[in-house]
Amino acid sequence: MQGYFAVGTILLLITLVISRAILMRKLGIKAMRFGEMDKTDFLIPPFALLFFYLIFASALNWPKFGAELFYNDMAAWIGVALCILGLAFFFLSLTSFGKSFRVGIDEDQPGA
């Protein structure tokens, strides 16, 4: 049960970022600046995809590598609470950033 919350959190997080970037593009602001300044940014996605796969594999019983060291039901529910808290903080940060939200570093319009 708790794994489904983790999958939902990851999907909601990605949806929030992409929808925010689309909304900003409609306002004429290029929010996705990933990999434009430094090409080493492209070293990040393989590790992020591995992280996503590990979350999905754990929740959906897909094949996974390694061994489960321990399982504690209370710790899993604390993780669910932290996921929800993290989503709330991320949503609040999106609203507080306003038009300054970027994915990557924007040297052309740093304060816009």
PDB file of N, CA and C in Angstrom:
ATOM      1  N   MET A   1       0.821  -1.200   0.000  1.00  0.00           N
ATOM      2  CA  MET A   1       0.000   0.000   0.000  1.00  0.00           C
ATOM      3  C   MET A   1       0.864   1.262   0.000  1.00  0.00           C
ATOM      4  N   GLN A   2       1.901   1.268   0.837  1.00  0.00           N
ATOM      5  CA  GLN A   2       2.728   2.464   0.941  1.00  0.00           C
ATOM      6  C   GLN A   2       3.507   2.719  -0.349  1.00  0.00           C
ATOM      7  N   GLY A   3       3.845   1.662  -1.070  1.00  0.00           N
ATOM      8  CA  GLY A   3       4.568   1.824  -2.325  1.00  0.00           C
ATOM      9  C   GLY A   3       3.766   2.585  -3.359  1.00  0.00           C
ATOM     10  N   TYR A   4       2.454   2.394  -3.334  1.00  0.00           N
ATOM     11  CA  TYR A   4       1.605   3.126  -4.276  1.00  0.00           C
ATOM     12  C   TYR A   4       1.626   4.627  -3.997  1.00  0.00           C
ATOM     13  N   PHE A   5       1.763   5.001  -2.747  1.00  0.00           N
ATOM     14  CA  PHE A   5       1.909   6.421  -2.411  1.00  0.00           C
ATOM     15  C   PHE A   5       3.214   6.975  -2.985  1.00  0.00           C
ATOM     16  N   ALA A   6       4.273   6.176  -2.936  1.00  0.00           N
ATOM     17  CA  ALA A   6       5.559   6.613  -3.494  1.00  0.00           C
ATOM     18  C   ALA A   6       5.455   6.795  -5.002  1.00  0.00           C
ATOM     19  N   VAL A   7       4.807   5.849  -5.681  1.00  0.00           N
ATOM     20  CA  VAL A   7       4.621   5.958  -7.130  1.00  0.00           C
ATOM     21  C   VAL A   7       3.762   7.177  -7.454  1.00  0.00           C
ATOM     22  N   GLY A   8       2.688   7.361  -6.715  1.00  0.00           N
ATOM     23  CA  GLY A   8       1.831   8.525  -6.937  1.00  0.00           C
ATOM     24  C   GLY A   8       2.556   9.835  -6.699  1.00  0.00           C
ATOM     25  N   THR A   9       3.419   9.861  -5.685  1.00  0.00           N
ATOM     26  CA  THR A   9       4.185  11.071  -5.387  1.00  0.00           C
ATOM     27  C   THR A   9       5.131  11.412  -6.529  1.00  0.00           C
ATOM     28  N   ILE A  10       5.847  10.411  -7.035  1.00  0.00           N
ATOM     29  CA  ILE A  10       6.777  10.653  -8.148  1.00  0.00           C
ATOM     30  C   ILE A  10       6.017  11.143  -9.378  1.00  0.00           C
ATOM     31  N   LEU A  11       4.905  10.486  -9.696  1.00  0.00           N
ATOM     32  CA  LEU A  11       4.130  10.892 -10.867  1.00  0.00           C
ATOM     33  C   LEU A  11       3.557  12.297 -10.701  1.00  0.00           C
ATOM     34  N   LEU A  12       3.080  12.623  -9.515  1.00  0.00           N
ATOM     35  CA  LEU A  12       2.544  13.959  -9.261  1.00  0.00           C
ATOM     36  C   LEU A  12       3.639  15.021  -9.340  1.00  0.00           C
ATOM     37  N   LEU A  13       4.819  14.700  -8.834  1.00  0.00           N
ATOM     38  CA  LEU A  13       5.943  15.627  -8.877  1.00  0.00           C
ATOM     39  C   LEU A  13       6.331  15.940 -10.321  1.00  0.00           C
ATOM     40  N   ILE A  14       6.439  14.909 -11.144  1.00  0.00           N
ATOM     41  CA  ILE A  14       6.777  15.104 -12.557  1.00  0.00           C
ATOM     42  C   ILE A  14       5.676  15.890 -13.263  1.00  0.00           C
ATOM     43  N   THR A  15       4.427  15.567 -12.956  1.00  0.00           N
ATOM     44  CA  THR A  15       3.299  16.277 -13.559  1.00  0.00           C
ATOM     45  C   THR A  15       3.303  17.754 -13.181  1.00  0.00           C
ATOM     46  N   LEU A  16       3.598  18.056 -11.928  1.00  0.00           N
ATOM     47  CA  LEU A  16       3.651  19.457 -11.495  1.00  0.00           C
ATOM     48  C   LEU A  16       4.740  20.228 -12.233  1.00  0.00           C
ATOM     49  N   VAL A  17       5.913  19.629 -12.381  1.00  0.00           N
ATOM     50  CA  VAL A  17       7.017  20.318 -13.063  1.00  0.00           C
ATOM     51  C   VAL A  17       6.684  20.544 -14.530  1.00  0.00           C
ATOM     52  N   ILE A  18       6.190  19.513 -15.206  1.00  0.00           N
ATOM     53  CA  ILE A  18       5.893  19.642 -16.635  1.00  0.00           C
ATOM     54  C   ILE A  18       4.738  20.613 -16.868  1.00  0.00           C
ATOM     55  N   SER A  19       3.696  20.532 -16.050  1.00  0.00           N
ATOM     56  CA  SER A  19       2.572  21.458 -16.241  1.00  0.00           C
ATOM     57  C   SER A  19       2.992  22.902 -15.979  1.00  0.00           C
ATOM     58  N   ARG A  20       3.854  23.103 -14.987  1.00  0.00           N
ATOM     59  CA  ARG A  20       4.342  24.465 -14.703  1.00  0.00           C
ATOM     60  C   ARG A  20       5.179  24.986 -15.873  1.00  0.00           C
ATOM     61  N   ALA A  21       6.011  24.121 -16.453  1.00  0.00           N
ATOM     62  CA  ALA A  21       6.822  24.535 -17.597  1.00  0.00           C
ATOM     63  C   ALA A  21       5.943  24.867 -18.799  1.00  0.00           C
ATOM     64  N   ILE A  22       4.879  24.096 -19.001  1.00  0.00           N
ATOM     65  CA  ILE A  22       3.961  24.377 -20.112  1.00  0.00           C
ATOM     66  C   ILE A  22       3.227  25.697 -19.884  1.00  0.00           C
ATOM     67  N   LEU A  23       2.764  25.935 -18.667  1.00  0.00           N
ATOM     68  CA  LEU A  23       2.086  27.200 -18.368  1.00  0.00           C
ATOM     69  C   LEU A  23       3.012  28.394 -18.574  1.00  0.00           C
ATOM     70  N   MET A  24       4.269  28.242 -18.186  1.00  0.00           N
ATOM     71  CA  MET A  24       5.210  29.354 -18.354  1.00  0.00           C
ATOM     72  C   MET A  24       5.558  29.565 -19.821  1.00  0.00           C
ATOM     73  N   ARG A  25       5.601  28.479 -20.601  1.00  0.00           N
ATOM     74  CA  ARG A  25       5.872  28.624 -22.027  1.00  0.00           C
ATOM     75  C   ARG A  25       4.752  29.415 -22.695  1.00  0.00           C
ATOM     76  N   LYS A  26       3.511  29.219 -22.240  1.00  0.00           N
ATOM     77  CA  LYS A  26       2.388  29.986 -22.789  1.00  0.00           C
ATOM     78  C   LYS A  26       2.515  31.471 -22.474  1.00  0.00           C
ATOM     79  N   LEU A  27       3.213  31.799 -21.377  1.00  0.00           N
ATOM     80  CA  LEU A  27       3.457  33.200 -21.026  1.00  0.00           C
ATOM     81  C   LEU A  27       4.698  33.760 -21.724  1.00  0.00           C
ATOM     82  N   GLY A  28       5.368  32.926 -22.523  1.00  0.00           N
ATOM     83  CA  GLY A  28       6.552  33.371 -23.245  1.00  0.00           C
ATOM     84  C   GLY A  28       7.849  33.204 -22.479  1.00  0.00           C
ATOM     85  N   ILE A  29       7.833  32.433 -21.400  1.00  0.00           N
ATOM     86  CA  ILE A  29       9.026  32.200 -20.591  1.00  0.00           C
ATOM     87  C   ILE A  29       9.498  30.777 -20.829  1.00  0.00           C
ATOM     88  N   LYS A  30      10.767  30.634 -21.176  1.00  0.00           N
ATOM     89  CA  LYS A  30      11.321  29.305 -21.406  1.00  0.00           C
ATOM     90  C   LYS A  30      11.820  28.759 -20.067  1.00  0.00           C
ATOM     91  N   ALA A  31      11.035  27.867 -19.466  1.00  0.00           N
ATOM     92  CA  ALA A  31      11.345  27.370 -18.123  1.00  0.00           C
ATOM     93  C   ALA A  31      12.262  26.156 -18.139  1.00  0.00           C
ATOM     94  N   MET A  32      12.274  25.389 -19.218  1.00  0.00           N
ATOM     95  CA  MET A  32      13.125  24.195 -19.285  1.00  0.00           C
ATOM     96  C   MET A  32      14.476  24.590 -19.874  1.00  0.00           C
ATOM     97  N   ARG A  33      15.443  24.816 -19.022  1.00  0.00           N
ATOM     98  CA  ARG A  33      16.789  25.223 -19.433  1.00  0.00           C
ATOM     99  C   ARG A  33      17.794  24.109 -19.176  1.00  0.00           C
ATOM    100  N   PHE A  34      17.332  22.895 -19.067  1.00  0.00           N
ATOM    101  CA  PHE A  34      18.162  21.759 -18.698  1.00  0.00           C
ATOM    102  C   PHE A  34      19.157  21.440 -19.809  1.00  0.00           C
ATOM    103  N   GLY A  35      20.438  21.424 -19.483  1.00  0.00           N
ATOM    104  CA  GLY A  35      21.482  21.024 -20.414  1.00  0.00           C
ATOM    105  C   GLY A  35      21.920  22.075 -21.404  1.00  0.00           C
ATOM    106  N   GLU A  36      21.407  23.278 -21.319  1.00  0.00           N
ATOM    107  CA  GLU A  36      21.803  24.319 -22.266  1.00  0.00           C
ATOM    108  C   GLU A  36      23.143  24.938 -21.905  1.00  0.00           C
ATOM    109  N   MET A  37      23.396  25.113 -20.617  1.00  0.00           N
ATOM    110  CA  MET A  37      24.637  25.753 -20.194  1.00  0.00           C
ATOM    111  C   MET A  37      25.758  24.732 -20.009  1.00  0.00           C
ATOM    112  N   ASP A  38      25.447  23.626 -19.390  1.00  0.00           N
ATOM    113  CA  ASP A  38      26.460  22.634 -19.067  1.00  0.00           C
ATOM    114  C   ASP A  38      25.977  21.267 -19.536  1.00  0.00           C
ATOM    115  N   LYS A  39      26.701  20.656 -20.449  1.00  0.00           N
ATOM    116  CA  LYS A  39      26.286  19.370 -21.014  1.00  0.00           C
ATOM    117  C   LYS A  39      26.425  18.222 -20.025  1.00  0.00           C
ATOM    118  N   THR A  40      27.115  18.438 -18.901  1.00  0.00           N
ATOM    119  CA  THR A  40      27.206  17.367 -17.906  1.00  0.00           C
ATOM    120  C   THR A  40      25.879  17.169 -17.179  1.00  0.00           C
ATOM    121  N   ASP A  41      24.911  18.051 -17.422  1.00  0.00           N
ATOM    122  CA  ASP A  41      23.571  17.841 -16.865  1.00  0.00           C
ATOM    123  C   ASP A  41      22.975  16.528 -17.358  1.00  0.00           C
ATOM    124  N   PHE A  42      23.426  16.079 -18.525  1.00  0.00           N
ATOM    125  CA  PHE A  42      22.876  14.855 -19.095  1.00  0.00           C
ATOM    126  C   PHE A  42      23.411  13.601 -18.419  1.00  0.00           C
ATOM    127  N   LEU A  43      24.270  13.753 -17.423  1.00  0.00           N
ATOM    128  CA  LEU A  43      24.680  12.609 -16.610  1.00  0.00           C
ATOM    129  C   LEU A  43      23.627  12.279 -15.549  1.00  0.00           C
ATOM    130  N   ILE A  44      22.746  13.203 -15.269  1.00  0.00           N
ATOM    131  CA  ILE A  44      21.734  13.019 -14.221  1.00  0.00           C
ATOM    132  C   ILE A  44      20.602  12.073 -14.632  1.00  0.00           C
ATOM    133  N   PRO A  45      20.027  12.169 -15.845  1.00  0.00           N
ATOM    134  CA  PRO A  45      18.855  11.345 -16.175  1.00  0.00           C
ATOM    135  C   PRO A  45      19.019   9.834 -16.015  1.00  0.00           C
ATOM    136  N   PRO A  46      20.158   9.215 -16.356  1.00  0.00           N
ATOM    137  CA  PRO A  46      20.229   7.766 -16.130  1.00  0.00           C
ATOM    138  C   PRO A  46      20.059   7.378 -14.664  1.00  0.00           C
ATOM    139  N   PHE A  47      20.625   8.166 -13.765  1.00  0.00           N
ATOM    140  CA  PHE A  47      20.477   7.868 -12.341  1.00  0.00           C
ATOM    141  C   PHE A  47      19.055   8.146 -11.862  1.00  0.00           C
ATOM    142  N   ALA A  48      18.431   9.184 -12.409  1.00  0.00           N
ATOM    143  CA  ALA A  48      17.040   9.473 -12.053  1.00  0.00           C
ATOM    144  C   ALA A  48      16.122   8.353 -12.546  1.00  0.00           C
ATOM    145  N   LEU A  49      16.373   7.861 -13.760  1.00  0.00           N
ATOM    146  CA  LEU A  49      15.563   6.756 -14.275  1.00  0.00           C
ATOM    147  C   LEU A  49      15.756   5.489 -13.454  1.00  0.00           C
ATOM    148  N   LEU A  50      16.980   5.235 -12.999  1.00  0.00           N
ATOM    149  CA  LEU A  50      17.224   4.092 -12.120  1.00  0.00           C
ATOM    150  C   LEU A  50      16.456   4.256 -10.813  1.00  0.00           C
ATOM    151  N   PHE A  51      16.473   5.448 -10.265  1.00  0.00           N
ATOM    152  CA  PHE A  51      15.733   5.735  -9.033  1.00  0.00           C
ATOM    153  C   PHE A  51      14.237   5.513  -9.239  1.00  0.00           C
ATOM    154  N   PHE A  52      13.702   6.014 -10.367  1.00  0.00           N
ATOM    155  CA  PHE A  52      12.283   5.816 -10.660  1.00  0.00           C
ATOM    156  C   PHE A  52      11.965   4.332 -10.802  1.00  0.00           C
ATOM    157  N   TYR A  53      12.842   3.590 -11.493  1.00  0.00           N
ATOM    158  CA  TYR A  53      12.603   2.157 -11.665  1.00  0.00           C
ATOM    159  C   TYR A  53      12.592   1.444 -10.318  1.00  0.00           C
ATOM    160  N   LEU A  54      13.503   1.800  -9.431  1.00  0.00           N
ATOM    161  CA  LEU A  54      13.533   1.158  -8.117  1.00  0.00           C
ATOM    162  C   LEU A  54      12.243   1.407  -7.341  1.00  0.00           C
ATOM    163  N   ILE A  55      11.703   2.607  -7.446  1.00  0.00           N
ATOM    164  CA  ILE A  55      10.443   2.917  -6.763  1.00  0.00           C
ATOM    165  C   ILE A  55       9.296   2.118  -7.372  1.00  0.00           C
ATOM    166  N   PHE A  56       9.220   2.105  -8.706  1.00  0.00           N
ATOM    167  CA  PHE A  56       8.149   1.367  -9.369  1.00  0.00           C
ATOM    168  C   PHE A  56       8.290  -0.135  -9.137  1.00  0.00           C
ATOM    169  N   ALA A  57       9.515  -0.647  -9.182  1.00  0.00           N
ATOM    170  CA  ALA A  57       9.739  -2.082  -8.984  1.00  0.00           C
ATOM    171  C   ALA A  57       9.346  -2.518  -7.584  1.00  0.00           C
ATOM    172  N   SER A  58       9.637  -1.698  -6.616  1.00  0.00           N
ATOM    173  CA  SER A  58       9.286  -2.034  -5.243  1.00  0.00           C
ATOM    174  C   SER A  58       7.776  -2.020  -5.034  1.00  0.00           C
ATOM    175  N   ALA A  59       7.095  -1.057  -5.629  1.00  0.00           N
ATOM    176  CA  ALA A  59       5.650  -0.923  -5.421  1.00  0.00           C
ATOM    177  C   ALA A  59       4.847  -1.917  -6.248  1.00  0.00           C
ATOM    178  N   LEU A  60       5.308  -2.216  -7.448  1.00  0.00           N
ATOM    179  CA  LEU A  60       4.522  -3.023  -8.382  1.00  0.00           C
ATOM    180  C   LEU A  60       5.045  -4.445  -8.545  1.00  0.00           C
ATOM    181  N   ASN A  61       5.971  -4.854  -7.688  1.00  0.00           N
ATOM    182  CA  ASN A  61       6.558  -6.201  -7.714  1.00  0.00           C
ATOM    183  C   ASN A  61       7.211  -6.547  -9.050  1.00  0.00           C
ATOM    184  N   TRP A  62       7.899  -5.581  -9.633  1.00  0.00           N
ATOM    185  CA  TRP A  62       8.700  -5.837 -10.818  1.00  0.00           C
ATOM    186  C   TRP A  62      10.015  -6.451 -10.372  1.00  0.00           C
ATOM    187  N   PRO A  63      10.770  -7.034 -11.316  1.00  0.00           N
ATOM    188  CA  PRO A  63      12.086  -7.570 -10.931  1.00  0.00           C
ATOM    189  C   PRO A  63      12.993  -6.455 -10.421  1.00  0.00           C
ATOM    190  N   LYS A  64      13.679  -6.739  -9.337  1.00  0.00           N
ATOM    191  CA  LYS A  64      14.587  -5.742  -8.768  1.00  0.00           C
ATOM    192  C   LYS A  64      15.879  -6.432  -8.363  1.00  0.00           C
ATOM    193  N   PHE A  65      16.925  -5.656  -8.302  1.00  0.00           N
ATOM    194  CA  PHE A  65      18.220  -6.200  -7.920  1.00  0.00           C
ATOM    195  C   PHE A  65      18.516  -5.821  -6.483  1.00  0.00           C
ATOM    196  N   GLY A  66      19.365  -6.593  -5.855  1.00  0.00           N
ATOM    197  CA  GLY A  66      19.678  -6.346  -4.455  1.00  0.00           C
ATOM    198  C   GLY A  66      18.718  -7.112  -3.558  1.00  0.00           C
ATOM    199  N   ALA A  67      18.854  -6.892  -2.280  1.00  0.00           N
ATOM    200  CA  ALA A  67      18.009  -7.577  -1.302  1.00  0.00           C
ATOM    201  C   ALA A  67      17.365  -6.547  -0.380  1.00  0.00           C
ATOM    202  N   GLU A  68      16.182  -6.880   0.089  1.00  0.00           N
ATOM    203  CA  GLU A  68      15.511  -6.009   1.048  1.00  0.00           C
ATOM    204  C   GLU A  68      16.146  -6.251   2.410  1.00  0.00           C
ATOM    205  N   LEU A  69      16.738  -5.223   2.980  1.00  0.00           N
ATOM    206  CA  LEU A  69      17.464  -5.382   4.231  1.00  0.00           C
ATOM    207  C   LEU A  69      16.527  -5.532   5.418  1.00  0.00           C
ATOM    208  N   PHE A  70      15.489  -4.720   5.466  1.00  0.00           N
ATOM    209  CA  PHE A  70      14.500  -4.832   6.542  1.00  0.00           C
ATOM    210  C   PHE A  70      13.208  -4.185   6.078  1.00  0.00           C
ATOM    211  N   TYR A  71      12.142  -4.505   6.769  1.00  0.00           N
ATOM    212  CA  TYR A  71      10.859  -3.874   6.489  1.00  0.00           C
ATOM    213  C   TYR A  71      10.189  -3.559   7.817  1.00  0.00           C
ATOM    214  N   ASN A  72       9.767  -2.331   7.947  1.00  0.00           N
ATOM    215  CA  ASN A  72       9.068  -1.894   9.142  1.00  0.00           C
ATOM    216  C   ASN A  72       7.837  -1.122   8.681  1.00  0.00           C
ATOM    217  N   ASP A  73       6.672  -1.603   9.089  1.00  0.00           N
ATOM    218  CA  ASP A  73       5.424  -0.989   8.640  1.00  0.00           C
ATOM    219  C   ASP A  73       5.297   0.457   9.118  1.00  0.00           C
ATOM    220  N   MET A  74       5.728   0.725  10.326  1.00  0.00           N
ATOM    221  CA  MET A  74       5.648   2.091  10.865  1.00  0.00           C
ATOM    222  C   MET A  74       6.563   3.038  10.077  1.00  0.00           C
ATOM    223  N   ALA A  75       7.759   2.581   9.747  1.00  0.00           N
ATOM    224  CA  ALA A  75       8.680   3.403   8.961  1.00  0.00           C
ATOM    225  C   ALA A  75       8.113   3.669   7.568  1.00  0.00           C
ATOM    226  N   ALA A  76       7.401   2.687   7.007  1.00  0.00           N
ATOM    227  CA  ALA A  76       6.790   2.879   5.695  1.00  0.00           C
ATOM    228  C   ALA A  76       5.714   3.962   5.749  1.00  0.00           C
ATOM    229  N   TRP A  77       4.913   3.987   6.808  1.00  0.00           N
ATOM    230  CA  TRP A  77       3.880   5.017   6.926  1.00  0.00           C
ATOM    231  C   TRP A  77       4.488   6.386   7.221  1.00  0.00           C
ATOM    232  N   ILE A  78       5.593   6.408   7.921  1.00  0.00           N
ATOM    233  CA  ILE A  78       6.309   7.679   8.110  1.00  0.00           C
ATOM    234  C   ILE A  78       6.812   8.180   6.759  1.00  0.00           C
ATOM    235  N   GLY A  79       7.270   7.262   5.909  1.00  0.00           N
ATOM    236  CA  GLY A  79       7.685   7.626   4.558  1.00  0.00           C
ATOM    237  C   GLY A  79       6.543   8.198   3.742  1.00  0.00           C
ATOM    238  N   VAL A  80       5.354   7.629   3.889  1.00  0.00           N
ATOM    239  CA  VAL A  80       4.167   8.158   3.197  1.00  0.00           C
ATOM    240  C   VAL A  80       3.889   9.586   3.658  1.00  0.00           C
ATOM    241  N   ALA A  81       3.945   9.802   4.968  1.00  0.00           N
ATOM    242  CA  ALA A  81       3.713  11.152   5.495  1.00  0.00           C
ATOM    243  C   ALA A  81       4.759  12.129   4.972  1.00  0.00           C
ATOM    244  N   LEU A  82       6.011  11.688   4.885  1.00  0.00           N
ATOM    245  CA  LEU A  82       7.067  12.559   4.360  1.00  0.00           C
ATOM    246  C   LEU A  82       6.870  12.841   2.874  1.00  0.00           C
ATOM    247  N   CYS A  83       6.374  11.855   2.118  1.00  0.00           N
ATOM    248  CA  CYS A  83       6.075  12.081   0.699  1.00  0.00           C
ATOM    249  C   CYS A  83       4.993  13.147   0.539  1.00  0.00           C
ATOM    250  N   ILE A  84       3.944  13.046   1.331  1.00  0.00           N
ATOM    251  CA  ILE A  84       2.859  14.030   1.258  1.00  0.00           C
ATOM    252  C   ILE A  84       3.360  15.411   1.682  1.00  0.00           C
ATOM    253  N   LEU A  85       4.165  15.451   2.727  1.00  0.00           N
ATOM    254  CA  LEU A  85       4.739  16.718   3.181  1.00  0.00           C
ATOM    255  C   LEU A  85       5.658  17.314   2.113  1.00  0.00           C
ATOM    256  N   GLY A  86       6.447  16.468   1.462  1.00  0.00           N
ATOM    257  CA  GLY A  86       7.321  16.940   0.391  1.00  0.00           C
ATOM    258  C   GLY A  86       6.544  17.496  -0.783  1.00  0.00           C
ATOM    259  N   LEU A  87       5.449  16.832  -1.150  1.00  0.00           N
ATOM    260  CA  LEU A  87       4.599  17.350  -2.227  1.00  0.00           C
ATOM    261  C   LEU A  87       4.000  18.700  -1.861  1.00  0.00           C
ATOM    262  N   ALA A  88       3.578  18.835  -0.620  1.00  0.00           N
ATOM    263  CA  ALA A  88       3.009  20.112  -0.178  1.00  0.00           C
ATOM    264  C   ALA A  88       4.054  21.222  -0.246  1.00  0.00           C
ATOM    265  N   PHE A  89       5.267  20.943   0.225  1.00  0.00           N
ATOM    266  CA  PHE A  89       6.334  21.947   0.160  1.00  0.00           C
ATOM    267  C   PHE A  89       6.695  22.282  -1.282  1.00  0.00           C
ATOM    268  N   PHE A  90       6.712  21.274  -2.160  1.00  0.00           N
ATOM    269  CA  PHE A  90       7.031  21.530  -3.559  1.00  0.00           C
ATOM    270  C   PHE A  90       5.958  22.397  -4.200  1.00  0.00           C
ATOM    271  N   PHE A  91       4.692  22.118  -3.917  1.00  0.00           N
ATOM    272  CA  PHE A  91       3.608  22.932  -4.458  1.00  0.00           C
ATOM    273  C   PHE A  91       3.694  24.368  -3.949  1.00  0.00           C
ATOM    274  N   LEU A  92       3.987  24.526  -2.661  1.00  0.00           N
ATOM    275  CA  LEU A  92       4.137  25.875  -2.102  1.00  0.00           C
ATOM    276  C   LEU A  92       5.324  26.608  -2.726  1.00  0.00           C
ATOM    277  N   SER A  93       6.403  25.885  -3.001  1.00  0.00           N
ATOM    278  CA  SER A  93       7.557  26.537  -3.631  1.00  0.00           C
ATOM    279  C   SER A  93       7.244  26.932  -5.063  1.00  0.00           C
ATOM    280  N   LEU A  94       6.464  26.115  -5.782  1.00  0.00           N
ATOM    281  CA  LEU A  94       6.065  26.490  -7.139  1.00  0.00           C
ATOM    282  C   LEU A  94       5.245  27.772  -7.133  1.00  0.00           C
ATOM    283  N   THR A  95       4.340  27.881  -6.181  1.00  0.00           N
ATOM    284  CA  THR A  95       3.518  29.093  -6.129  1.00  0.00           C
ATOM    285  C   THR A  95       4.321  30.302  -5.670  1.00  0.00           C
ATOM    286  N   SER A  96       5.272  30.101  -4.768  1.00  0.00           N
ATOM    287  CA  SER A  96       6.045  31.250  -4.287  1.00  0.00           C
ATOM    288  C   SER A  96       7.087  31.710  -5.304  1.00  0.00           C
ATOM    289  N   PHE A  97       7.594  30.798  -6.138  1.00  0.00           N
ATOM    290  CA  PHE A  97       8.552  31.203  -7.168  1.00  0.00           C
ATOM    291  C   PHE A  97       7.891  32.075  -8.225  1.00  0.00           C
ATOM    292  N   GLY A  98       6.633  31.842  -8.486  1.00  0.00           N
ATOM    293  CA  GLY A  98       5.936  32.636  -9.490  1.00  0.00           C
ATOM    294  C   GLY A  98       6.534  32.431 -10.868  1.00  0.00           C
ATOM    295  N   LYS A  99       6.952  33.528 -11.502  1.00  0.00           N
ATOM    296  CA  LYS A  99       7.517  33.443 -12.846  1.00  0.00           C
ATOM    297  C   LYS A  99       9.011  33.148 -12.836  1.00  0.00           C
ATOM    298  N   SER A 100       9.603  32.939 -11.677  1.00  0.00           N
ATOM    299  CA  SER A 100      11.038  32.673 -11.593  1.00  0.00           C
ATOM    300  C   SER A 100      11.372  31.191 -11.640  1.00  0.00           C
ATOM    301  N   PHE A 101      10.382  30.319 -11.741  1.00  0.00           N
ATOM    302  CA  PHE A 101      10.625  28.879 -11.747  1.00  0.00           C
ATOM    303  C   PHE A 101      11.374  28.467 -13.011  1.00  0.00           C
ATOM    304  N   ARG A 102      12.457  27.711 -12.864  1.00  0.00           N
ATOM    305  CA  ARG A 102      13.232  27.181 -13.992  1.00  0.00           C
ATOM    306  C   ARG A 102      13.689  25.764 -13.673  1.00  0.00           C
ATOM    307  N   VAL A 103      13.863  24.964 -14.725  1.00  0.00           N
ATOM    308  CA  VAL A 103      14.534  23.671 -14.613  1.00  0.00           C
ATOM    309  C   VAL A 103      15.865  23.864 -15.308  1.00  0.00           C
ATOM    310  N   GLY A 104      16.929  24.026 -14.555  1.00  0.00           N
ATOM    311  CA  GLY A 104      18.236  24.358 -15.094  1.00  0.00           C
ATOM    312  C   GLY A 104      18.587  25.787 -14.720  1.00  0.00           C
ATOM    313  N   ILE A 105      19.725  26.246 -15.207  1.00  0.00           N
ATOM    314  CA  ILE A 105      20.202  27.589 -14.874  1.00  0.00           C
ATOM    315  C   ILE A 105      19.927  28.513 -16.050  1.00  0.00           C
ATOM    316  N   ASP A 106      19.266  29.619 -15.784  1.00  0.00           N
ATOM    317  CA  ASP A 106      18.922  30.590 -16.821  1.00  0.00           C
ATOM    318  C   ASP A 106      19.828  31.800 -16.674  1.00  0.00           C
ATOM    319  N   GLU A 107      20.805  31.910 -17.571  1.00  0.00           N
ATOM    320  CA  GLU A 107      21.712  33.060 -17.527  1.00  0.00           C
ATOM    321  C   GLU A 107      21.174  34.237 -18.325  1.00  0.00           C
ATOM    322  N   ASP A 108      20.224  33.987 -19.247  1.00  0.00           N
ATOM    323  CA  ASP A 108      19.687  35.062 -20.072  1.00  0.00           C
ATOM    324  C   ASP A 108      18.775  35.987 -19.272  1.00  0.00           C
ATOM    325  N   GLN A 109      17.883  35.405 -18.477  1.00  0.00           N
ATOM    326  CA  GLN A 109      16.944  36.177 -17.669  1.00  0.00           C
ATOM    327  C   GLN A 109      16.946  35.616 -16.247  1.00  0.00           C
ATOM    328  N   PRO A 110      17.984  35.861 -15.462  1.00  0.00           N
ATOM    329  CA  PRO A 110      18.087  35.223 -14.148  1.00  0.00           C
ATOM    330  C   PRO A 110      17.016  35.639 -13.153  1.00  0.00           C
ATOM    331  N   GLY A 111      16.511  36.833 -13.223  1.00  0.00           N
ATOM    332  CA  GLY A 111      15.528  37.277 -12.243  1.00  0.00           C
ATOM    333  C   GLY A 111      14.105  37.265 -12.757  1.00  0.00           C
ATOM    334  N   ALA A 112      13.934  36.940 -14.033  1.00  0.00           N
ATOM    335  CA  ALA A 112      12.592  37.009 -14.637  1.00  0.00           C
ATOM    336  C   ALA A 112      11.719  35.868 -14.214  1.00  0.00           C
TER     337      ALA A 112
END
